[in-house]
């Protein structure tokens, strides 16, 4: 089976690159640029009409498939290769694994994305009307988003106060998927210092050799990441 990852630097795509490194898989990496599109992006469009990033191109048995969505890619690789799975976990740990691997993109990331979207709306609103969009953003943040994100961080903090990893004592793809939204909070949330177990957890992730190797290969820019997410708060 030949794997090709179409990757956008300093994005959620970084998680799939890290996963491939953790699994020690052979793969080809194609760095894509969107504005303006580079050769990698043009190549991706030949394989996938949606051209979403990340996309994993899978070639096997003279067939070719393009799989998008980070959670779907992670789950496919886990099931196909039987690595970083919950197979050897207790029932309680399996339930934790199932919950957290879906929590990252189904619950946590959408709230962070909404904060970013509202911030972008304010920036792009014509100056005379900007106070209106700013008030709308602040109202939604104070009335819902800030409380929701605080509750989610509290939940993660409480879990990590009792467990080294999300599925208990074992590293899994749940940890890979949660890393990005939690790192976004670490980069920009004004009260992230209140979450010592989350900070320790991120430091634990950063100490993994595969994680560091993926950052180098994926052209990760911490400065760009922090600048982007600072706008959300």
Protein backbone atom coordinates (compact mmCIF):
# COMPACT_ATOMS: atom_id res chain seq x y z
CA UNK A 1 0.00 0.00 0.00
CA UNK A 2 1.38 3.39 -1.03
CA UNK A 3 0.41 6.46 1.00
CA UNK A 4 0.66 10.09 -0.10
CA UNK A 5 -0.28 12.87 2.30
CA UNK A 6 -1.37 16.23 0.88
CA UNK A 7 -0.57 18.59 3.70
CA UNK A 8 -1.14 22.26 4.58
CA UNK A 9 1.54 23.65 6.89
CA UNK A 10 0.55 24.91 10.36
CA UNK A 11 -2.94 23.47 10.19
CA UNK A 12 -4.94 20.53 11.53
CA UNK A 13 -3.26 18.50 8.81
CA UNK A 14 -0.21 18.39 11.10
CA UNK A 15 -1.95 15.72 13.19
CA UNK A 16 -2.01 13.24 10.30
CA UNK A 17 1.64 13.83 9.53
CA UNK A 18 2.43 13.19 13.20
CA UNK A 19 0.30 10.04 13.13
CA UNK A 20 2.22 8.69 10.13
CA UNK A 21 5.47 9.33 11.98
CA UNK A 22 4.18 7.64 15.15
CA UNK A 23 3.16 4.58 13.12
CA UNK A 24 6.56 4.64 11.37
CA UNK A 25 4.88 4.32 7.99
CA UNK A 26 6.45 4.89 4.60
CA UNK A 27 4.69 7.79 2.88
CA UNK A 28 5.18 10.58 0.40
CA UNK A 29 4.58 14.11 1.65
CA UNK A 30 3.22 16.81 -0.66
CA UNK A 31 3.18 20.32 0.82
CA UNK A 32 0.24 22.34 -0.51
CA UNK A 33 -0.33 26.08 -0.71
CA UNK A 34 -3.81 27.51 -1.20
CA UNK A 35 -3.35 31.23 -1.93
CA UNK A 36 -2.17 31.10 -4.62
CA UNK A 37 -2.41 27.36 -5.32
CA UNK A 38 0.96 25.67 -5.82
CA UNK A 39 1.85 22.54 -7.79
CA UNK A 40 0.92 20.33 -4.84
CA UNK A 41 -2.57 21.82 -4.70
CA UNK A 42 -3.03 21.38 -8.43
CA UNK A 43 -1.93 17.77 -8.11
CA UNK A 44 -4.43 17.17 -5.31
CA UNK A 45 -7.29 18.51 -7.45
CA UNK A 46 -6.54 15.80 -10.00
CA UNK A 47 -7.25 13.17 -7.35
CA UNK A 48 -10.04 14.82 -5.36
CA UNK A 49 -12.71 17.26 -6.52
CA UNK A 50 -13.11 18.69 -3.01
CA UNK A 51 -9.33 19.19 -2.61
CA UNK A 52 -9.64 19.31 1.18
CA UNK A 53 -6.56 19.33 3.36
CA UNK A 54 -5.38 17.00 4.67
CA UNK A 55 -6.09 14.32 2.08
CA UNK A 56 -4.49 10.90 2.19
CA UNK A 57 -4.09 9.24 -1.21
CA UNK A 58 -4.16 5.46 -0.81
CA UNK A 59 -2.94 3.24 -3.63
CA UNK A 60 -3.38 -0.52 -3.22
CA UNK A 61 -4.28 -3.50 -5.41
CA UNK A 62 -4.21 -1.32 -8.53
CA UNK A 63 -6.85 0.93 -7.00
CA UNK A 64 -6.62 4.50 -5.77
CA UNK A 65 -8.66 6.26 -3.09
CA UNK A 66 -8.54 9.83 -1.77
CA UNK A 67 -9.58 10.10 1.88
CA UNK A 68 -10.16 13.50 3.52
CA UNK A 69 -11.16 14.56 7.07
CA UNK A 70 -8.54 14.11 9.78
CA UNK A 71 -10.71 11.91 12.01
CA UNK A 72 -11.57 9.61 9.10
CA UNK A 73 -7.91 9.28 8.07
CA UNK A 74 -6.84 8.55 11.64
CA UNK A 75 -9.54 5.94 12.11
CA UNK A 76 -8.76 4.26 8.78
CA UNK A 77 -5.06 3.96 9.59
CA UNK A 78 -5.81 2.72 13.09
CA UNK A 79 -8.21 0.03 11.89
CA UNK A 80 -6.18 -0.99 8.85
CA UNK A 81 -2.85 -1.20 10.62
CA UNK A 82 -4.07 -2.17 14.09
CA UNK A 83 -1.86 0.39 15.77
CA UNK A 84 -2.59 2.88 18.56
CA UNK A 85 -5.91 1.14 19.12
CA UNK A 86 -8.09 0.46 22.12
CA UNK A 87 -7.97 -3.31 21.61
CA UNK A 88 -5.96 -4.05 24.76
CA UNK A 89 -7.72 -1.56 27.00
CA UNK A 90 -10.22 -2.22 29.75
CA UNK A 91 -13.88 -1.46 29.07
CA UNK A 92 -13.59 1.86 30.91
CA UNK A 93 -10.51 2.81 28.90
CA UNK A 94 -12.19 1.79 25.63
CA UNK A 95 -15.09 4.09 26.45
CA UNK A 96 -12.67 6.92 27.23
CA UNK A 97 -10.87 6.26 23.96
CA UNK A 98 -14.12 6.35 21.96
CA UNK A 99 -15.29 9.54 23.64
CA UNK A 100 -12.11 11.59 23.40
CA UNK A 101 -11.20 10.67 19.82
CA UNK A 102 -14.59 12.03 18.72
CA UNK A 103 -14.69 14.92 21.19
CA UNK A 104 -11.73 16.69 19.55
CA UNK A 105 -13.32 17.42 16.17
CA UNK A 106 -17.01 16.97 16.95
CA UNK A 107 -17.26 19.20 20.04
CA UNK A 108 -14.07 21.04 20.98
CA UNK A 109 -12.75 22.21 17.61
CA UNK A 110 -16.10 23.63 16.35
CA UNK A 111 -16.28 26.06 19.29
CA UNK A 112 -12.73 27.27 18.65
CA UNK A 113 -13.50 27.60 14.94
CA UNK A 114 -16.54 29.74 15.76
CA UNK A 115 -14.40 32.09 17.85
CA UNK A 116 -12.04 32.43 14.91
CA UNK A 117 -14.89 32.98 12.43
CA UNK A 118 -16.45 35.78 14.50
CA UNK A 119 -13.04 37.44 14.87
CA UNK A 120 -12.57 37.29 11.09
CA UNK A 121 -16.04 38.77 10.52
CA UNK A 122 -15.13 41.77 12.68
CA UNK A 123 -11.86 42.29 10.81
CA UNK A 124 -13.57 42.15 7.42
CA UNK A 125 -16.53 44.36 8.32
CA UNK A 126 -16.31 47.90 6.84
CA UNK A 127 -15.03 50.31 9.47
CA UNK A 128 -18.29 52.29 9.95
CA UNK A 129 -20.16 49.04 10.71
CA UNK A 130 -17.42 47.31 12.67
CA UNK A 131 -18.80 48.23 16.13
CA UNK A 132 -21.98 46.32 15.25
CA UNK A 133 -20.14 43.13 14.31
CA UNK A 134 -17.84 43.53 17.33
CA UNK A 135 -20.84 43.75 19.68
CA UNK A 136 -22.35 40.67 18.06
CA UNK A 137 -19.08 38.77 18.48
CA UNK A 138 -18.71 39.82 22.12
CA UNK A 139 -22.30 38.91 22.89
CA UNK A 140 -21.93 35.43 21.41
CA UNK A 141 -18.57 34.89 23.12
CA UNK A 142 -19.79 35.98 26.54
CA UNK A 143 -23.19 34.36 26.20
CA UNK A 144 -22.05 30.99 24.90
CA UNK A 145 -18.59 30.32 23.46
CA UNK A 146 -16.38 31.37 26.37
CA UNK A 147 -18.48 29.36 28.82
CA UNK A 148 -18.57 26.32 26.53
CA UNK A 149 -14.81 26.33 25.97
CA UNK A 150 -14.15 26.82 29.69
CA UNK A 151 -16.36 23.82 30.48
CA UNK A 152 -14.55 21.72 27.88
CA UNK A 153 -11.13 22.71 29.23
CA UNK A 154 -12.32 21.91 32.76
CA UNK A 155 -13.40 18.47 31.55
CA UNK A 156 -10.04 17.80 29.88
CA UNK A 157 -8.16 19.08 32.93
CA UNK A 158 -10.13 16.86 35.28
CA UNK A 159 -9.52 13.80 33.11
CA UNK A 160 -5.80 14.47 32.76
CA UNK A 161 -5.46 14.96 36.51
CA UNK A 162 -6.13 11.22 36.81
CA UNK A 163 -4.72 9.83 33.56
CA UNK A 164 -1.44 10.23 31.68
CA UNK A 165 -3.20 9.91 28.32
CA UNK A 166 -6.78 10.27 27.16
CA UNK A 167 -7.38 6.51 26.98
CA UNK A 168 -5.81 5.97 30.40
CA UNK A 169 -2.21 4.84 30.53
CA UNK A 170 -1.75 4.31 26.79
CA UNK A 171 -1.03 6.83 24.05
CA UNK A 172 -3.59 6.59 21.21
CA UNK A 173 -4.95 8.43 18.19
CA UNK A 174 -7.30 10.22 20.60
CA UNK A 175 -4.25 12.12 21.87
CA UNK A 176 -3.17 12.97 18.33
CA UNK A 177 -6.60 14.35 17.42
CA UNK A 178 -7.02 16.42 20.60
CA UNK A 179 -3.57 17.99 20.39
CA UNK A 180 -4.42 20.69 17.82
CA UNK A 181 -7.42 22.34 19.52
CA UNK A 182 -5.77 22.07 22.93
CA UNK A 183 -2.60 23.64 21.53
CA UNK A 184 -4.72 26.48 20.11
CA UNK A 185 -5.98 27.18 23.62
CA UNK A 186 -2.43 27.02 24.99
CA UNK A 187 -1.33 29.55 22.38
CA UNK A 188 -4.07 32.12 22.91
CA UNK A 189 -6.45 31.45 25.80
CA UNK A 190 -5.80 34.19 28.39
CA UNK A 191 -6.47 31.85 31.32
CA UNK A 192 -4.72 28.70 30.12
CA UNK A 193 -2.31 28.86 33.06
CA UNK A 194 -5.25 27.66 35.19
CA UNK A 195 -4.89 24.23 33.56
CA UNK A 196 -1.61 22.71 34.82
CA UNK A 197 -2.46 19.15 33.80
CA UNK A 198 -3.26 20.28 30.26
CA UNK A 199 0.07 22.11 30.11
CA UNK A 200 1.92 19.04 31.40
CA UNK A 201 0.09 16.89 28.86
CA UNK A 202 1.17 19.15 25.98
CA UNK A 203 4.76 19.10 27.22
CA UNK A 204 4.56 15.31 27.32
CA UNK A 205 3.41 15.30 23.69
CA UNK A 206 6.20 17.66 22.64
CA UNK A 207 8.78 15.28 24.10
CA UNK A 208 7.81 12.51 21.67
CA UNK A 209 10.43 12.08 18.90
CA UNK A 210 7.77 11.39 16.24
CA UNK A 211 6.02 14.65 17.13
CA UNK A 212 9.21 16.67 16.72
CA UNK A 213 10.06 14.92 13.46
CA UNK A 214 6.60 15.71 12.11
CA UNK A 215 6.96 19.40 12.98
CA UNK A 216 10.15 19.60 10.93
CA UNK A 217 8.77 17.72 7.95
CA UNK A 218 5.47 19.60 7.98
CA UNK A 219 7.07 23.07 8.06
CA UNK A 220 5.21 23.97 11.25
CA UNK A 221 5.45 27.63 12.28
CA UNK A 222 4.72 28.21 15.96
CA UNK A 223 4.82 31.99 15.46
CA UNK A 224 2.23 31.83 12.67
CA UNK A 225 0.05 29.50 14.73
CA UNK A 226 0.11 31.79 17.77
CA UNK A 227 -0.58 34.88 15.69
CA UNK A 228 -3.56 33.22 14.01
CA UNK A 229 -5.21 32.02 17.22
CA UNK A 230 -4.49 35.21 19.17
CA UNK A 231 -7.10 36.90 16.96
CA UNK A 232 -9.81 34.60 18.33
CA UNK A 233 -9.45 36.05 21.81
